[in-house]
Protein backbone atom coordinates (compact mmCIF):
# COMPACT_ATOMS: atom_id res chain seq x y z
CA UNK A 1 0.00 0.00 0.00
CA UNK A 2 1.21 3.49 -0.86
CA UNK A 3 -0.27 6.11 1.47
CA UNK A 4 -0.20 9.63 0.00
CA UNK A 5 -1.21 13.07 1.24
CA UNK A 6 -4.19 14.94 -0.16
CA UNK A 7 -1.70 17.63 -1.19
CA UNK A 8 -0.50 15.44 -4.06
CA UNK A 9 -3.87 15.91 -5.74
CA UNK A 10 -2.70 19.43 -6.60
CA UNK A 11 -0.38 17.90 -9.19
CA UNK A 12 -1.25 16.08 -12.39
CA UNK A 13 0.02 12.64 -11.40
CA UNK A 14 -0.86 9.02 -11.99
CA UNK A 15 -0.97 6.87 -8.86
CA UNK A 16 -0.35 3.12 -8.63
CA UNK A 17 -3.36 0.86 -8.16
CA UNK A 18 -2.68 0.23 -4.46
CA UNK A 19 -2.47 3.95 -3.58
CA UNK A 20 -4.49 5.13 -0.59
CA UNK A 21 -5.24 8.84 -0.23
CA UNK A 22 -4.88 10.22 3.31
CA UNK A 23 -7.15 13.19 3.88
CA UNK A 24 -6.26 15.09 7.03
CA UNK A 25 -9.49 16.83 7.99
CA UNK A 26 -7.59 19.60 9.80
CA UNK A 27 -6.72 20.87 6.33
CA UNK A 28 -10.23 20.58 4.84
CA UNK A 29 -12.15 23.83 5.26
CA UNK A 30 -15.67 22.50 4.63
CA UNK A 31 -17.65 19.33 4.12
CA UNK A 32 -18.26 20.46 0.52
CA UNK A 33 -14.50 20.59 -0.03
CA UNK A 34 -14.22 17.09 1.45
CA UNK A 35 -16.78 15.71 -0.99
CA UNK A 36 -14.97 17.42 -3.89
CA UNK A 37 -11.73 15.70 -2.82
CA UNK A 38 -13.52 12.36 -2.56
CA UNK A 39 -15.12 12.86 -5.98
CA UNK A 40 -11.78 13.35 -7.71
CA UNK A 41 -10.06 10.25 -6.31
CA UNK A 42 -10.96 6.70 -7.30
CA UNK A 43 -8.63 4.70 -5.04
CA UNK A 44 -9.13 3.86 -1.37
CA UNK A 45 -9.25 6.72 1.12
CA UNK A 46 -7.87 7.13 4.66
CA UNK A 47 -9.78 9.87 6.55
CA UNK A 48 -7.87 11.37 9.45
CA UNK A 49 -9.92 13.22 12.10
CA UNK A 50 -7.51 15.11 14.36
CA UNK A 51 -9.59 15.02 17.56
CA UNK A 52 -8.10 16.95 20.45
CA UNK A 53 -5.77 18.89 18.17
CA UNK A 54 -4.25 21.92 19.86
CA UNK A 55 -2.07 23.34 17.07
CA UNK A 56 -3.51 25.07 14.01
CA UNK A 57 -5.21 24.39 11.78
CA UNK A 58 -8.04 23.04 13.89
CA UNK A 59 -10.61 20.64 12.55
CA UNK A 60 -14.23 21.68 12.32
CA UNK A 61 -16.13 18.39 12.34
CA UNK A 62 -17.47 15.83 14.74
CA UNK A 63 -17.74 12.15 13.92
CA UNK A 64 -21.49 12.56 13.53
CA UNK A 65 -20.93 15.37 10.97
CA UNK A 66 -18.98 12.89 8.87
CA UNK A 67 -21.32 9.89 9.20
CA UNK A 68 -23.40 10.57 6.06
CA UNK A 69 -20.29 11.25 3.96
CA UNK A 70 -18.68 8.05 5.19
CA UNK A 71 -21.83 6.13 4.24
CA UNK A 72 -21.99 7.77 0.81
CA UNK A 73 -18.36 7.04 -0.18
CA UNK A 74 -17.45 3.34 -0.11
CA UNK A 75 -13.89 4.29 -1.16
CA UNK A 76 -13.33 5.38 2.47
CA UNK A 77 -11.60 2.31 3.88
CA UNK A 78 -9.69 3.72 6.87
CA UNK A 79 -10.62 6.20 9.58
CA UNK A 80 -8.04 7.59 12.01
CA UNK A 81 -8.78 9.40 15.25
CA UNK A 82 -6.08 11.36 17.03
CA UNK A 83 -5.07 11.54 20.67
CA UNK A 84 -6.46 8.14 21.59
CA UNK A 85 -5.80 7.36 25.25
CA UNK A 86 -8.65 4.99 26.16
CA UNK A 87 -10.92 2.31 24.76
CA UNK A 88 -13.94 4.60 25.26
CA UNK A 89 -12.69 6.64 22.28
CA UNK A 90 -12.46 3.43 20.23
CA UNK A 91 -15.99 2.42 21.22
CA UNK A 92 -17.33 5.88 20.36
CA UNK A 93 -15.79 5.71 16.87
CA UNK A 94 -17.20 2.24 16.28
CA UNK A 95 -20.66 3.47 17.23
CA UNK A 96 -20.88 5.40 13.96
CA UNK A 97 -18.41 3.67 11.61
CA UNK A 98 -19.60 0.99 9.20
CA UNK A 99 -17.99 -2.42 9.73
CA UNK A 100 -16.27 -2.09 6.34
CA UNK A 101 -13.97 0.68 7.64
CA UNK A 102 -10.72 -0.01 9.46
CA UNK A 103 -10.32 2.18 12.53
CA UNK A 104 -6.80 3.52 13.08
CA UNK A 105 -6.15 5.05 16.50
CA UNK A 106 -3.37 7.63 16.63
CA UNK A 107 -1.30 7.59 19.81
CA UNK A 108 0.14 11.00 20.66
CA UNK A 109 0.76 10.93 24.42
CA UNK A 110 2.45 9.01 27.19
CA UNK A 111 -0.98 7.94 28.47
CA UNK A 112 -1.81 6.55 25.03
CA UNK A 113 1.43 4.53 25.05
CA UNK A 114 0.63 3.21 28.54
CA UNK A 115 -2.82 2.11 27.31
CA UNK A 116 -1.69 0.76 23.92
CA UNK A 117 -2.40 -2.90 24.78
CA UNK A 118 -5.97 -2.08 25.85
CA UNK A 119 -6.46 0.16 22.82
CA UNK A 120 -5.14 -2.53 20.47
CA UNK A 121 -7.32 -5.19 22.10
CA UNK A 122 -10.42 -3.02 21.57
CA UNK A 123 -9.89 -2.93 17.79
CA UNK A 124 -12.23 -5.30 15.97
CA UNK A 125 -10.17 -5.68 12.79
CA UNK A 126 -8.08 -8.81 12.20
CA UNK A 127 -5.22 -6.64 10.96
CA UNK A 128 -4.85 -3.97 13.61
CA UNK A 129 -3.21 -0.68 12.68
CA UNK A 130 -2.04 1.94 15.17
CA UNK A 131 -0.31 5.21 14.25
CA UNK A 132 2.24 6.90 16.47
CA UNK A 133 2.48 10.65 15.90
CA UNK A 134 6.15 11.45 16.40
CA UNK A 135 5.82 15.25 16.78
CA UNK A 136 2.95 15.30 19.26
CA UNK A 137 4.21 12.24 21.15
CA UNK A 138 7.68 13.77 21.45
CA UNK A 139 6.20 17.09 22.63
CA UNK A 140 4.11 15.28 25.24
CA UNK A 141 7.14 13.35 26.50
CA UNK A 142 9.20 16.57 26.75
CA UNK A 143 6.40 18.43 28.55
CA UNK A 144 6.17 15.63 31.14
CA UNK A 145 9.95 15.55 31.64
Foldseek 3Di string as FASTA:
>chain_A
DAEDELVCVVDPDDDDQQYEYEYEQLPQPDVVSVVVSLVVDDAAYAYEQEPPDDDPPHHDDDLVRCLVVQVVRVSHAEYEYECDQACVVVVVNVVRHDPNHFYEYEHQEPSNVVCVVVNQVSGPDPDHHYHYDVPRHVVRVVVVD
